Protein backbone atom coordinates (compact mmCIF):
# COMPACT_ATOMS: atom_id res chain seq x y z
CA MET A 1 0.04 0.11 0.22
CA PRO A 2 1.36 3.54 -0.63
CA GLY A 3 2.48 5.96 1.98
CA TRP A 4 1.57 9.10 3.59
CA ASN A 5 1.96 11.52 0.40
CA TYR A 6 -0.19 9.23 -1.69
CA ALA A 7 -2.91 8.85 1.01
CA PHE A 8 -3.62 12.53 1.24
CA SER A 9 -3.37 13.10 -2.40
CA LEU A 10 -6.31 10.90 -3.19
CA SER A 11 -9.82 12.20 -3.89
CA ARG A 12 -12.45 12.04 -1.39
CA GLU A 13 -14.42 9.50 -3.89
CA ALA A 14 -11.16 7.25 -4.11
CA VAL A 15 -10.76 7.17 -0.22
CA LYS A 16 -14.65 6.02 0.14
CA ALA A 17 -13.82 3.31 -2.52
CA ALA A 18 -10.60 2.04 -0.86
CA THR A 19 -10.52 -1.05 1.38
CA PRO A 20 -7.53 -0.97 3.65
CA PRO A 21 -7.14 -3.11 6.47
CA GLY A 22 -9.87 -2.33 8.87
CA THR A 23 -12.61 -1.66 5.99
CA VAL A 24 -14.83 -4.34 5.52
CA ARG A 25 -18.02 -5.25 3.65
CA LEU A 26 -20.52 -5.65 6.44
CA ILE A 27 -23.68 -5.40 4.39
CA GLY A 28 -23.85 -7.54 1.24
CA LYS A 29 -24.64 -6.27 -2.35
CA ASN A 30 -27.48 -7.89 -4.37
CA GLU A 31 -26.10 -9.57 -7.17
CA ASN A 32 -28.74 -9.00 -9.54
CA ARG A 33 -29.04 -5.25 -8.39
CA PRO A 34 -25.48 -4.02 -7.56
CA GLN A 35 -26.66 -0.88 -6.47
CA GLN A 36 -28.93 -2.27 -3.80
CA HIS A 37 -27.82 -3.90 -0.34
CA SER A 38 -28.59 -7.78 0.10
CA ILE A 39 -31.77 -8.22 2.27
CA THR A 40 -32.93 -11.03 4.56
CA GLN A 41 -36.42 -11.43 6.46
CA HIS A 42 -36.32 -11.11 10.02
CA ASN A 43 -39.31 -10.89 12.34
CA GLY A 44 -41.72 -10.62 9.38
CA ARG A 45 -40.01 -7.71 7.60
CA TYR A 46 -37.10 -7.32 5.27
CA VAL A 47 -33.77 -5.86 6.56
CA ASP A 48 -30.39 -5.66 5.34
CA ARG A 49 -28.20 -8.80 5.74
CA VAL A 50 -25.13 -8.20 8.12
CA ALA A 51 -22.28 -10.27 7.15
CA ASN A 52 -20.03 -11.92 9.46
CA PHE A 53 -16.40 -10.84 9.47
CA PRO A 54 -13.81 -12.30 9.83
CA VAL A 55 -14.88 -15.22 7.87
CA PRO A 56 -14.94 -18.53 10.14
CA THR A 57 -13.47 -21.68 9.11
CA ALA A 58 -15.34 -25.02 9.17
CA ASP A 59 -12.85 -25.97 12.33
CA PRO A 60 -14.87 -26.19 15.59
CA ALA A 61 -11.75 -25.00 17.32
CA ASP A 62 -12.16 -21.79 15.38
CA PRO A 63 -13.11 -19.30 18.31
CA LEU A 64 -15.64 -17.80 15.89
CA ASN A 65 -17.45 -21.06 15.86
CA TRP A 66 -17.40 -21.58 19.70
CA ALA A 67 -20.88 -22.28 21.14
CA ARG A 68 -22.65 -19.00 22.74
CA TRP A 69 -22.28 -20.77 26.45
CA ARG A 70 -18.51 -21.27 25.68
CA LYS A 71 -17.87 -17.62 24.40
CA PHE A 72 -19.63 -16.26 27.40
CA SER A 73 -18.22 -18.21 29.90
CA CYS A 74 -14.72 -17.35 28.49
CA LEU A 75 -15.75 -13.42 28.42
CA ALA A 76 -16.92 -13.87 32.00
CA ALA A 77 -13.43 -15.38 33.02
CA VAL A 78 -11.27 -13.00 31.30
CA SER A 79 -13.78 -10.00 32.68
CA SER A 80 -13.44 -11.43 36.05
CA TYR A 81 -9.59 -11.38 35.83
CA ALA A 82 -9.87 -7.68 35.02
CA PHE A 83 -12.14 -6.88 37.68
CA VAL A 84 -10.31 -8.84 40.29
CA ALA A 85 -6.79 -7.23 39.20
CA ASN A 86 -8.09 -3.76 39.50
CA PHE A 87 -10.01 -4.51 42.84
CA VAL A 88 -6.88 -5.80 44.30
CA SER A 89 -4.94 -2.32 42.90
CA ALA A 90 -7.55 0.00 44.24
CA SER A 91 -8.60 -1.76 47.56
CA LEU A 92 -5.51 -0.52 49.17
CA ALA A 93 -6.10 3.23 48.46
CA PRO A 94 -9.03 3.77 51.23
CA ALA A 95 -7.02 1.82 53.56
CA LEU A 96 -3.81 3.77 53.43
CA PRO A 97 -4.92 5.72 56.62
CA ILE A 98 -5.13 2.34 58.31
CA TRP A 99 -1.47 1.84 57.93
CA ASN A 100 -0.32 3.93 60.99
CA LEU A 101 -3.38 2.74 63.31
CA SER A 102 -2.33 -1.02 62.47
CA PHE A 103 1.42 -0.65 62.66
CA PRO A 104 2.28 2.62 65.10
CA GLN A 105 5.55 1.22 65.23
CA SER A 106 6.42 1.97 61.87
CA PRO A 107 4.51 5.10 61.01
CA ARG A 108 4.66 6.51 57.49
CA PRO A 109 3.40 10.09 56.32
CA PRO A 110 0.98 9.95 53.37
CA GLU A 111 3.56 10.47 50.64
CA ASP A 112 5.19 7.26 51.57
CA LEU A 113 2.08 5.41 51.52
CA VAL A 114 0.84 6.52 48.38
CA GLN A 115 3.98 4.54 46.67
CA PHE A 116 1.68 1.53 47.36
CA ILE A 117 -0.71 2.96 44.54
CA ALA A 118 2.04 4.54 42.30
CA PHE A 119 4.32 1.75 41.95
CA ASN A 120 1.18 -0.80 41.61
CA VAL A 121 -0.13 1.41 38.94
CA LEU A 122 3.31 1.63 37.21
CA LEU A 123 3.60 -2.31 36.95
CA LEU A 124 0.24 -2.50 35.72
CA GLY A 125 1.53 -0.70 32.52
CA LEU A 126 5.03 -1.88 32.07
CA GLY A 127 4.24 -5.50 33.06
CA ASN A 128 3.07 -5.99 29.44
CA ILE A 129 6.55 -5.47 28.01
CA PHE A 130 6.85 -8.99 28.81
CA TRP A 131 3.32 -10.73 29.03
CA VAL A 132 2.20 -9.62 25.35
CA PRO A 133 5.49 -10.83 23.48
CA LEU A 134 5.47 -14.01 25.51
CA ALA A 135 1.55 -14.42 24.47
CA ASN A 136 2.36 -14.04 20.76
CA VAL A 137 5.08 -16.87 21.04
CA PHE A 138 3.39 -19.26 23.44
CA GLY A 139 -0.01 -18.41 23.07
CA ARG A 140 -2.65 -16.38 25.10
CA ARG A 141 -3.79 -19.37 27.49
CA PRO A 142 -0.65 -20.22 29.07
CA ILE A 143 -0.10 -16.23 29.79
CA MET A 144 -3.35 -15.81 31.23
CA VAL A 145 -2.77 -18.59 33.72
CA PHE A 146 0.67 -17.64 34.61
CA SER A 147 -0.10 -13.95 35.35
CA THR A 148 -3.15 -14.84 37.29
CA LEU A 149 -0.53 -17.20 39.35
CA THR A 150 1.75 -14.45 39.71
CA LEU A 151 -1.14 -12.23 41.29
CA PHE A 152 -2.29 -15.01 43.61
CA ILE A 153 1.10 -15.95 44.93
CA ALA A 154 2.13 -12.12 45.44
CA THR A 155 -1.19 -11.29 47.03
CA ALA A 156 -1.03 -14.65 49.38
CA CYS A 157 2.56 -13.53 50.43
CA GLY A 158 0.75 -10.13 51.62
CA THR A 159 -0.88 -11.70 54.55
CA MET A 160 2.32 -12.64 56.08
CA THR A 161 4.49 -9.49 56.45
CA SER A 162 4.14 -5.70 57.77
CA ASP A 163 7.55 -4.54 56.76
CA PHE A 164 7.06 -1.58 54.38
CA GLY A 165 9.68 -2.33 51.87
CA ARG A 166 8.27 -6.00 51.57
CA VAL A 167 4.59 -4.76 51.20
CA LEU A 168 5.95 -2.42 48.43
CA ALA A 169 7.73 -5.31 46.55
CA ILE A 170 4.63 -7.37 47.00
CA ARG A 171 2.51 -4.51 45.33
CA VAL A 172 4.85 -4.23 42.45
CA PHE A 173 4.46 -8.01 41.81
CA GLN A 174 0.69 -7.80 42.31
CA GLY A 175 1.03 -5.04 39.35
CA LEU A 176 2.86 -7.45 37.34
CA GLY A 177 0.39 -10.18 37.93
CA SER A 178 -2.49 -7.89 37.04
CA SER A 179 -0.78 -6.21 33.86
CA ALA A 180 -2.17 -8.88 31.37
CA SER A 181 -5.64 -7.75 32.04
CA GLU A 182 -5.42 -4.67 30.03
CA THR A 183 -3.76 -6.28 27.05
CA VAL A 184 -4.04 -9.90 26.50
CA THR A 185 -7.60 -9.99 27.91
CA PRO A 186 -8.90 -7.52 25.00
CA ALA A 187 -7.16 -9.53 22.24
CA ILE A 188 -9.02 -12.62 23.42
CA VAL A 189 -12.34 -10.81 23.37
CA GLY A 190 -11.64 -9.79 20.06
CA ASP A 191 -10.75 -13.09 18.93
CA MET A 192 -14.09 -14.62 19.74
CA PHE A 193 -16.44 -11.94 18.39
CA PHE A 194 -17.18 -10.66 14.61
CA VAL A 195 -16.53 -6.81 13.66
CA HIS A 196 -20.20 -5.92 14.32
CA GLU A 197 -20.28 -7.68 17.67
CA ARG A 198 -16.96 -6.42 19.26
CA GLY A 199 -18.20 -2.90 20.44
CA GLY A 200 -20.64 -4.24 22.74
CA TRP A 201 -18.88 -7.25 24.25
CA MET A 202 -15.79 -4.95 24.67
CA ALA A 203 -17.96 -2.65 26.70
CA LEU A 204 -18.76 -5.22 29.07
CA TYR A 205 -15.19 -6.11 29.33
CA THR A 206 -14.29 -2.55 30.24
CA ALA A 207 -16.98 -2.01 32.46
CA SER A 208 -15.57 -4.91 34.53
CA LEU A 209 -12.06 -3.35 34.13
CA ALA A 210 -13.31 -0.05 35.41
CA SER A 211 -15.86 -1.24 38.10
CA GLY A 212 -13.14 -3.58 39.52
CA SER A 213 -11.23 -0.37 40.98
CA VAL A 214 -14.30 1.53 42.18
CA VAL A 215 -15.70 -1.64 43.99
CA GLY A 216 -12.18 -2.31 45.48
CA GLY A 217 -12.11 1.33 46.58
CA ILE A 218 -15.66 1.18 48.40
CA CYS A 219 -14.66 -2.21 50.11
CA GLY A 220 -11.19 -1.77 51.01
CA GLY A 221 -11.46 0.67 53.60
CA TYR A 222 -14.21 -1.47 55.53
CA ILE A 223 -12.41 -4.57 55.15
CA ALA A 224 -8.85 -3.04 56.54
CA ALA A 225 -11.03 -1.05 59.51
CA ARG A 226 -13.33 -3.70 60.43
CA LEU A 227 -11.01 -6.79 59.97
CA GLY A 228 -7.70 -5.57 59.94
CA TRP A 229 -4.90 -4.75 57.35
CA PHE A 230 -3.91 -8.37 56.93
CA ALA A 231 -7.69 -9.41 56.01
CA LEU A 232 -7.60 -7.03 53.13
CA PHE A 233 -4.87 -9.17 51.47
CA GLU A 234 -6.77 -12.68 52.36
CA VAL A 235 -9.73 -11.37 50.90
CA ASN A 236 -7.64 -10.43 47.84
CA ALA A 237 -5.78 -13.86 47.68
CA VAL A 238 -9.28 -15.52 47.91
CA LEU A 239 -10.52 -13.50 44.58
CA SER A 240 -7.08 -14.12 42.87
CA GLY A 241 -7.43 -17.83 43.49
CA LEU A 242 -11.02 -18.13 42.01
CA THR A 243 -9.41 -16.10 38.85
CA LEU A 244 -6.71 -18.54 38.58
CA LEU A 245 -9.09 -21.30 38.57
CA CYS A 246 -11.51 -19.62 36.03
CA ALA A 247 -8.34 -19.24 33.87
CA ILE A 248 -7.37 -22.85 33.87
CA LEU A 249 -10.70 -24.08 33.30
CA LEU A 250 -12.57 -21.36 31.20
CA VAL A 251 -10.33 -19.73 28.90
CA PRO A 252 -8.91 -21.96 25.91
CA GLU A 253 -6.32 -20.75 23.53
CA THR A 254 -7.66 -18.08 21.29
CA ILE A 255 -4.91 -17.54 18.72
CA TYR A 256 -6.19 -19.17 15.53
CA HIS A 257 -4.67 -19.27 12.25
CA ARG A 258 -7.47 -19.34 9.62
CA ALA A 259 -5.06 -19.36 6.61
CA SER A 260 -1.43 -20.25 6.35
CA LEU A 261 -1.29 -19.38 2.71
CA CYS A 262 0.23 -15.80 1.65
CA LEU A 263 0.09 -14.11 -1.65
CA PRO A 264 3.59 -13.06 -2.51
CA VAL A 265 3.41 -9.76 -4.93
CA GLN A 266 6.19 -9.26 -7.41
CA ARG A 267 8.92 -7.16 -5.92
CA ASN A 268 10.66 -5.54 -9.22
CA ILE A 269 8.07 -3.32 -10.21
CA PRO A 270 8.83 -0.22 -12.09
CA ARG A 271 8.41 3.25 -10.63
CA THR A 272 5.67 4.97 -12.41
CA SER A 273 5.47 8.30 -10.15
CA ARG A 274 7.16 10.26 -7.43
CA PHE A 275 4.53 8.61 -4.90
CA GLN A 276 5.57 4.90 -5.99
CA PRO A 277 9.30 4.44 -4.66
CA ARG A 278 11.16 1.53 -5.55
CA THR A 279 10.85 -0.41 -2.05
CA PRO A 280 9.94 -4.19 -1.73
CA ALA A 281 6.56 -4.96 -1.89
CA PRO A 282 4.88 -6.97 1.19
CA TYR A 283 3.23 -10.39 1.65
CA LEU A 284 -0.28 -10.09 1.96
CA SER A 285 -1.61 -12.55 4.40
CA LEU A 286 -5.18 -13.70 3.73
CA VAL A 287 -5.67 -13.61 7.55
CA SER A 288 -5.35 -9.76 7.52
CA LEU A 289 -7.06 -8.96 4.32
CA PRO A 290 -10.03 -6.94 5.06
CA SER A 291 -12.38 -8.40 2.22
CA MET A 292 -12.12 -10.83 -0.73
CA HIS A 293 -12.22 -7.90 -2.99
CA MET A 294 -9.71 -5.50 -2.33
CA THR A 295 -8.25 -2.39 -4.44
CA VAL A 296 -4.45 -2.49 -4.60
CA PRO A 297 -2.21 0.39 -6.32
CA SER A 298 -0.75 -0.33 -9.39
CA ARG A 299 2.92 -0.76 -7.87
CA PHE A 300 2.01 -3.59 -6.00
CA VAL A 301 0.06 -5.60 -8.72
CA GLY A 302 2.53 -8.36 -10.18
CA SER A 303 2.50 -12.03 -11.34
CA ILE A 304 0.79 -14.00 -8.60
CA ASP A 305 2.36 -17.56 -8.18
CA GLN A 306 -0.56 -19.07 -6.09
CA GLY A 307 -4.01 -19.60 -6.88
CA PRO A 308 -6.83 -18.81 -4.42
CA SER A 309 -9.87 -17.48 -6.19
CA LEU A 310 -9.27 -13.75 -5.35
CA THR A 311 -9.94 -10.89 -7.67
CA TRP A 312 -7.13 -8.41 -8.02
CA TYR A 313 -7.32 -5.09 -9.47
CA GLN A 314 -4.92 -2.65 -11.10
CA THR A 315 -5.81 0.77 -11.01
CA SER A 316 -5.72 2.96 -14.12
CA SER A 317 -3.49 5.50 -12.37
CA SER A 318 -1.73 6.19 -9.14
CA SER A 319 -4.06 8.76 -7.68
CA ASP A 320 -7.47 7.12 -8.63
CA LEU A 321 -8.80 4.35 -6.89
CA SER A 322 -12.40 4.66 -8.12
CA SER A 323 -11.85 3.06 -11.61
CA PRO A 324 -9.84 -0.08 -11.10
CA THR A 325 -9.38 -2.39 -14.07
CA PRO A 326 -9.02 -6.33 -13.75
CA PHE A 327 -5.66 -7.90 -13.55
CA ARG A 328 -5.25 -11.34 -14.59
CA VAL A 329 -4.18 -13.97 -11.90
CA SER A 330 -1.25 -16.29 -13.34
CA LYS A 331 -1.75 -19.94 -13.54
CA VAL A 332 -0.32 -22.42 -11.46
CA SER A 333 1.57 -25.65 -12.51
CA LYS A 334 -0.57 -28.91 -11.77
CA GLN A 335 2.22 -30.31 -9.51
CA ASN A 336 1.90 -27.18 -7.09
CA ARG A 337 -1.74 -27.47 -7.03
CA SER A 338 -1.83 -31.00 -6.47
CA SER A 339 0.95 -30.49 -3.43
CA ARG A 340 -1.22 -27.60 -1.98
CA ALA A 341 -4.33 -29.65 -2.27
CA THR A 342 -2.74 -32.71 -0.21
CA THR A 343 -1.50 -30.25 2.36
CA ALA A 344 -4.82 -28.56 2.65
CA ASN A 345 -6.72 -31.93 2.87
CA ALA A 346 -4.59 -32.91 5.87
CA ILE A 347 -4.85 -29.71 7.50
CA ALA A 348 -8.62 -29.87 7.19
CA SER A 349 -8.75 -33.61 8.47
CA GLU A 350 -7.05 -32.31 11.67
CA ARG A 351 -9.21 -29.66 12.22
CA GLN A 352 -12.44 -31.68 12.15
CA THR A 353 -11.56 -32.97 15.38
CA PRO A 354 -14.43 -31.82 17.97
CA PHE A 355 -13.64 -29.00 20.40
CA THR A 356 -14.23 -31.23 23.42
CA PHE A 357 -13.95 -29.45 27.09
CA LEU A 358 -10.34 -31.67 27.45
CA ARG A 359 -9.20 -30.25 23.98
CA SER A 360 -9.78 -26.58 25.46
CA LEU A 361 -7.27 -27.11 28.28
CA LYS A 362 -4.58 -27.91 25.87
CA PHE A 363 -1.24 -25.87 26.15
CA GLY A 364 1.80 -26.17 23.65
CA MET A 365 1.54 -23.66 21.04
CA TYR A 366 4.87 -22.30 20.23
CA ARG A 367 5.33 -19.54 17.04
CA GLY A 368 8.99 -19.05 17.70
CA ASN A 369 11.06 -15.53 16.86
CA VAL A 370 11.30 -14.58 20.51
CA LEU A 371 13.40 -11.71 19.90
CA TYR A 372 11.15 -10.32 17.29
CA GLN A 373 8.03 -10.39 19.25
CA PHE A 374 9.73 -8.42 22.05
CA LYS A 375 10.88 -5.84 19.42
CA LYS A 376 7.52 -5.68 17.45
CA PRO A 377 5.41 -3.63 19.88
CA TRP A 378 7.90 -0.52 19.67
CA PHE A 379 7.34 -0.83 16.02
CA THR A 380 3.90 0.05 16.32
CA LEU A 381 4.64 3.56 17.48
CA ARG A 382 4.58 4.50 13.60
CA LEU A 383 0.71 3.85 13.74
CA PRO A 384 -1.10 7.32 14.77
CA ALA A 385 -3.79 5.65 16.78
CA THR A 386 -1.16 4.07 19.02
CA TRP A 387 -0.29 7.52 20.23
CA ILE A 388 -3.86 8.71 20.50
CA VAL A 389 -4.94 6.12 22.59
CA MET A 390 -1.96 6.02 24.67
CA PHE A 391 -2.33 9.61 25.81
CA GLN A 392 -6.42 9.46 26.16
CA TYR A 393 -6.59 6.23 28.21
CA GLY A 394 -3.21 7.25 30.15
CA GLY A 395 -4.76 10.33 30.95
CA LEU A 396 -7.95 8.98 32.21
CA VAL A 397 -6.18 6.29 34.27
CA GLY A 398 -4.02 8.95 35.72
CA GLY A 399 -6.92 11.13 36.62
CA VAL A 400 -8.77 8.40 38.49
CA ALA A 401 -5.70 7.18 40.14
CA VAL A 402 -5.00 10.73 41.39
CA ILE A 403 -8.57 10.94 42.68
CA SER A 404 -8.85 7.56 44.18
CA SER A 405 -5.29 8.45 46.07
CA VAL A 406 -6.18 11.83 47.46
CA GLY A 407 -10.06 11.75 47.63
CA PRO A 408 -9.98 9.23 50.79
CA LEU A 409 -7.35 10.92 52.44
CA LEU A 410 -9.42 14.22 51.88
CA LEU A 411 -12.39 12.89 53.28
CA ASP A 412 -10.75 11.80 56.07
CA LEU A 413 -10.10 15.29 57.40
CA PRO A 414 -12.16 17.98 58.72
CA PRO A 415 -14.76 19.02 57.78
CA TYR A 416 -15.84 15.91 56.45
CA GLN A 417 -14.01 13.29 58.72
CA TRP A 418 -15.67 10.04 57.24
CA GLY A 419 -13.38 7.72 58.86
CA ASP A 420 -14.25 4.18 57.57
CA ASN A 421 -16.64 5.64 55.17
CA SER A 422 -13.98 7.40 53.05
CA GLY A 423 -14.20 4.70 50.59
CA LEU A 424 -17.99 5.79 49.62
CA LEU A 425 -16.38 8.48 47.48
CA PHE A 426 -16.13 5.73 44.89
CA ILE A 427 -19.75 5.38 44.54
CA GLY A 428 -20.11 8.23 42.23
CA ALA A 429 -17.45 6.52 39.98
CA LEU A 430 -19.44 3.28 40.15
CA VAL A 431 -22.36 5.29 38.91
CA GLY A 432 -20.44 7.00 36.08
CA ILE A 433 -18.89 3.60 34.95
CA VAL A 434 -22.22 2.03 34.70
CA LEU A 435 -23.78 4.71 32.82
CA GLY A 436 -20.82 4.83 30.52
CA GLY A 437 -21.09 1.19 29.81
CA LEU A 438 -24.60 1.19 28.83
CA TYR A 439 -23.88 4.22 26.73
CA THR A 440 -21.39 2.49 24.91
CA SER A 441 -23.08 -0.88 24.20
CA LEU A 442 -25.91 0.82 23.05
CA LEU A 443 -24.75 3.01 20.61
CA ALA A 444 -21.13 1.73 19.51
CA ASP A 445 -22.17 -1.31 17.21
CA LYS A 446 -25.30 0.25 16.28
CA ARG A 447 -23.44 3.47 14.84
CA LEU A 448 -21.01 0.87 13.09
CA LYS A 449 -23.92 -0.91 11.34
CA GLN A 450 -25.98 2.01 10.78
CA PHE A 451 -22.86 3.68 8.94
CA ALA A 452 -22.48 0.54 6.69
CA LYS A 453 -26.15 0.65 5.57
CA ASN A 454 -26.25 4.15 4.68
CA GLN A 455 -23.25 3.49 2.50
CA ASP A 456 -23.96 2.16 -1.30
CA HIS A 457 -21.16 -0.18 -1.09
CA GLY A 458 -21.74 -1.56 2.28
CA PHE A 459 -18.50 -0.90 3.88
CA ALA A 460 -18.12 -0.55 7.66
CA GLU A 461 -15.24 1.96 8.91
CA PRO A 462 -13.50 1.34 12.21
CA GLU A 463 -14.12 5.22 12.53
CA SER A 464 -17.55 5.05 12.66
CA ARG A 465 -17.63 4.48 16.47
CA ILE A 466 -15.20 7.06 17.19
CA PRO A 467 -17.50 10.20 17.52
CA VAL A 468 -19.42 8.38 20.45
CA LEU A 469 -16.29 9.18 22.45
CA LEU A 470 -16.54 13.06 22.09
CA PRO A 471 -19.26 13.73 24.58
CA SER A 472 -17.75 11.43 27.41
CA LEU A 473 -14.16 13.05 26.74
CA ALA A 474 -15.63 16.42 27.39
CA VAL A 475 -17.39 15.42 30.55
CA ALA A 476 -14.43 13.62 31.78
CA THR A 477 -12.05 16.61 31.09
CA GLY A 478 -14.44 18.84 32.80
CA GLY A 479 -14.70 16.45 35.85
CA LEU A 480 -10.93 17.18 36.66
CA LEU A 481 -11.74 20.73 37.09
CA VAL A 482 -14.81 20.29 39.23
CA PHE A 483 -12.76 17.99 41.56
CA GLY A 484 -9.98 20.28 42.10
CA PHE A 485 -12.53 23.14 42.76
CA CYS A 486 -14.56 21.48 45.23
CA ALA A 487 -11.45 19.92 47.05
CA GLN A 488 -9.91 23.67 47.15
CA ASN A 489 -13.34 24.95 48.80
CA PRO A 490 -14.11 22.29 51.57
CA GLY A 491 -17.62 22.50 53.12
CA ARG A 492 -20.50 20.46 54.72
CA TYR A 493 -21.89 19.41 51.18
CA GLN A 494 -19.12 19.68 49.00
CA TRP A 495 -18.48 16.21 49.08
CA VAL A 496 -21.51 15.92 46.43
CA GLY A 497 -19.27 17.75 43.98
CA LEU A 498 -16.24 15.17 44.67
CA GLU A 499 -18.61 12.42 43.95
CA PHE A 500 -20.24 13.89 40.93
CA ALA A 501 -16.78 14.99 39.40
CA TYR A 502 -15.41 11.41 40.26
CA GLY A 503 -18.47 10.12 38.21
CA MET A 504 -17.82 12.47 35.30
CA VAL A 505 -14.38 11.19 35.18
CA SER A 506 -15.33 7.57 35.14
CA PHE A 507 -17.81 7.82 32.62
CA ALA A 508 -15.41 8.02 29.94
CA LEU A 509 -13.06 5.58 31.67
CA THR A 510 -15.53 2.59 30.41
CA GLN A 511 -15.95 4.14 26.89
CA VAL A 512 -12.18 5.14 25.80
CA PRO A 513 -10.62 1.54 26.15
CA SER A 514 -13.94 -0.17 24.83
CA ILE A 515 -14.19 1.99 21.78
CA TRP A 516 -10.36 2.45 20.91
CA PHE A 517 -9.59 -1.29 21.78
CA SER A 518 -12.15 -2.27 19.32
CA TYR A 519 -10.93 0.22 16.78
CA LEU A 520 -7.39 -1.37 17.10
CA ILE A 521 -8.37 -4.92 16.53
CA ASP A 522 -10.52 -3.83 13.51
CA SER A 523 -7.79 -1.87 11.69
CA TYR A 524 -4.51 -3.62 12.86
CA ALA A 525 -5.88 -7.42 13.45
CA GLN A 526 -2.74 -9.22 15.07
CA LEU A 527 -0.95 -6.10 15.54
CA ALA A 528 -3.41 -4.76 18.21
CA SER A 529 -2.00 -6.83 21.11
CA ASP A 530 1.28 -5.24 20.11
CA CYS A 531 -0.56 -1.50 20.23
CA PHE A 532 -1.90 -2.28 23.71
CA VAL A 533 1.69 -2.90 24.97
CA MET A 534 2.60 0.58 24.31
CA ILE A 535 -0.66 1.88 25.40
CA CYS A 536 -0.34 0.41 28.72
CA ILE A 537 3.29 1.58 29.00
CA LEU A 538 2.22 5.29 29.01
CA ARG A 539 -0.81 4.06 30.96
CA GLY A 540 1.26 3.07 33.60
CA ILE A 541 3.80 5.95 33.22
CA ILE A 542 1.16 9.10 33.71
CA PRO A 543 -0.66 7.72 36.69
CA PHE A 544 2.54 6.90 38.36
CA ALA A 545 3.88 10.23 37.64
CA TRP A 546 0.62 12.15 38.55
CA THR A 547 0.07 9.93 41.65
CA PHE A 548 3.81 10.09 43.03
CA PHE A 549 4.01 13.93 42.85
CA VAL A 550 0.35 14.77 43.55
CA SER A 551 0.89 14.82 47.60
CA GLN A 552 3.80 17.25 47.62
CA TRP A 553 2.20 19.48 44.84
CA VAL A 554 -1.06 19.52 46.63
CA GLN A 555 0.75 20.55 49.92
CA ARG A 556 2.58 23.38 48.35
CA ASP A 557 -0.25 24.92 46.22
CA GLY A 558 -3.58 23.44 47.32
CA TYR A 559 -6.04 21.38 44.86
CA LEU A 560 -7.08 23.63 42.44
CA ILE A 561 -3.77 24.46 40.69
CA PRO A 562 -2.91 20.84 40.28
CA PHE A 563 -6.31 19.41 38.98
CA GLY A 564 -6.29 22.72 36.67
CA GLY A 565 -3.10 21.39 34.96
CA PHE A 566 -4.59 17.74 34.80
CA THR A 567 -7.63 19.24 33.33
CA VAL A 568 -5.50 21.17 30.36
CA ILE A 569 -3.34 18.21 29.89
CA MET A 570 -6.40 15.86 29.49
CA GLY A 571 -8.26 18.47 27.14
CA VAL A 572 -5.21 18.44 24.90
CA PHE A 573 -5.47 14.50 24.91
CA SER A 574 -9.01 14.60 24.17
CA LEU A 575 -8.61 17.06 21.13
CA LEU A 576 -6.33 14.20 19.39
CA ILE A 577 -9.60 12.35 18.59
CA LEU A 578 -10.32 15.07 15.85
CA PRO A 579 -7.76 13.88 13.35
CA VAL A 580 -9.05 10.25 13.30
CA ILE A 581 -12.57 11.22 12.64
CA TRP A 582 -11.72 13.49 9.82
CA MET A 583 -8.97 11.63 8.26
CA GLY A 584 -8.65 8.15 9.91
CA LYS A 585 -9.23 6.31 6.90
CA ARG A 586 -6.39 7.98 4.99
CA MET A 587 -4.11 7.38 7.92
CA ARG A 588 -5.15 3.67 7.48
CA ILE A 589 -4.41 3.73 3.76
CA ALA A 590 -1.03 5.35 4.43
CA THR A 591 -0.14 2.74 6.90
CA ALA A 592 -1.74 -0.43 5.20
CA ARG A 593 1.65 -1.46 4.06
CA TYR A 594 3.32 -1.82 7.32
CA VAL A 595 -0.07 -3.50 8.72
CA VAL A 596 -0.47 -6.01 6.08
CA GLY A 597 3.31 -6.86 5.75
CA ASN A 598 3.61 -7.49 9.53
CA GLN A 599 0.87 -9.69 10.72
């Protein structure tokens, strides 16, 4: 695929007709009347037929072919992991004031206690530098099991020590064991559901992800105050153990190769314009092709020496994708066809084995190339969407982490003096998460399908979901300022403003990862998990920096100035959504060559 100059030189009609990775034909065309959509009868009336993409194979082990109960049980298991991981992380925040009461022989100032939260949040992001490459090599199932095992062992060790340094080390390992919940698990959700289903199910996963920290914040203070500091780790150990059991029994391997065949494109292609440099063409994998009818620029069209039934098109000029001319696929020798047929039959025979419960427990995938898998996530920084999601998600999690750290300590002081009830601050966040999850699940996939139905070609574009984020980002940005203002001016009823502000920020916390993770999976396929690594790195660094320094900043300048600064930063991050809404498809055209060549 062409680069940036080419993509931004295309006419609007050419961009509309192009099919870069991520663009799929969701609504089929009527074969007899090409200008009309294919329709089907549903509940006594005729509606547009929505196509399933990716196209599933006949193999029962294909995650797209799993029975509904298996998909739902797997979704419940990974969602519970996301919930428990964040519950464990956040439950210590309202219990921080309990430390000096439980261990008077080792008193610590608030800025030291906040490190329990800061370093845990940091490892929640940085841990994915290891988990995702290992998942790409050994499969997602073993990494799910091993990460939950790490979380369980670290939490169990917390029940046996009151040393500050050891507890801090335990919090680091808890963050490491929890980190896969934000990268490997959304990839699992994307593997199981079709394009037009991902938005709604991803909203359920992200609601579990966000609500875990809220419920943990509500319960943590009560558990520590009523049952003691060690009881908090005991409860978390039980939850972590149940999560480990669910991961072992209910999460099969979801990485599935639907096609091992790749189409090599001729590399020695003459340059015909300044937009067509003489560079090697990629291998186009059938796994990553967005549709079985794809428009390919002329510099990538060559003699194809393999023979699947695909229609390739050679454009009449380098800047017009709207008037393709057919290109003839070269013939394949009978010997090669016979060899491929034998291999395909052997694979097909192996893949007809029933997908039983015992088969779902199987380990043993190994894809090799370990060093490359560790380097690959860093290459995704060339994709603009990676940067945008990094900043927006990191800023939101940073805002939530700061509020969850300073909020309970604030409500423990006059004029509030909530004491054990300081964790009730998280109720506002819980309301915001529930409303945000409902908002996303009702609108995200509906907007995608409606957009496809309104197009003559029936294409679905990943960018069609993005405008749903505009109201929530505006609300979340304003929520940070409201919290700072109410915290700066304490009063008898100012806690209402603190609750409302926390709910405003949490309203977007469900939507941003849900819609953006779906966008990355739709647009970049197998590269999405590598994008998640870079996103979670910054998602760990921003909350760590904000949480680590916010206590000193608040003591020096009060609450309004720090939270005003956070508001400005989050506002700038939120504006990054506008280029994707206006030019997202052009960006995908510009980066399609890299995406297709690195699946």
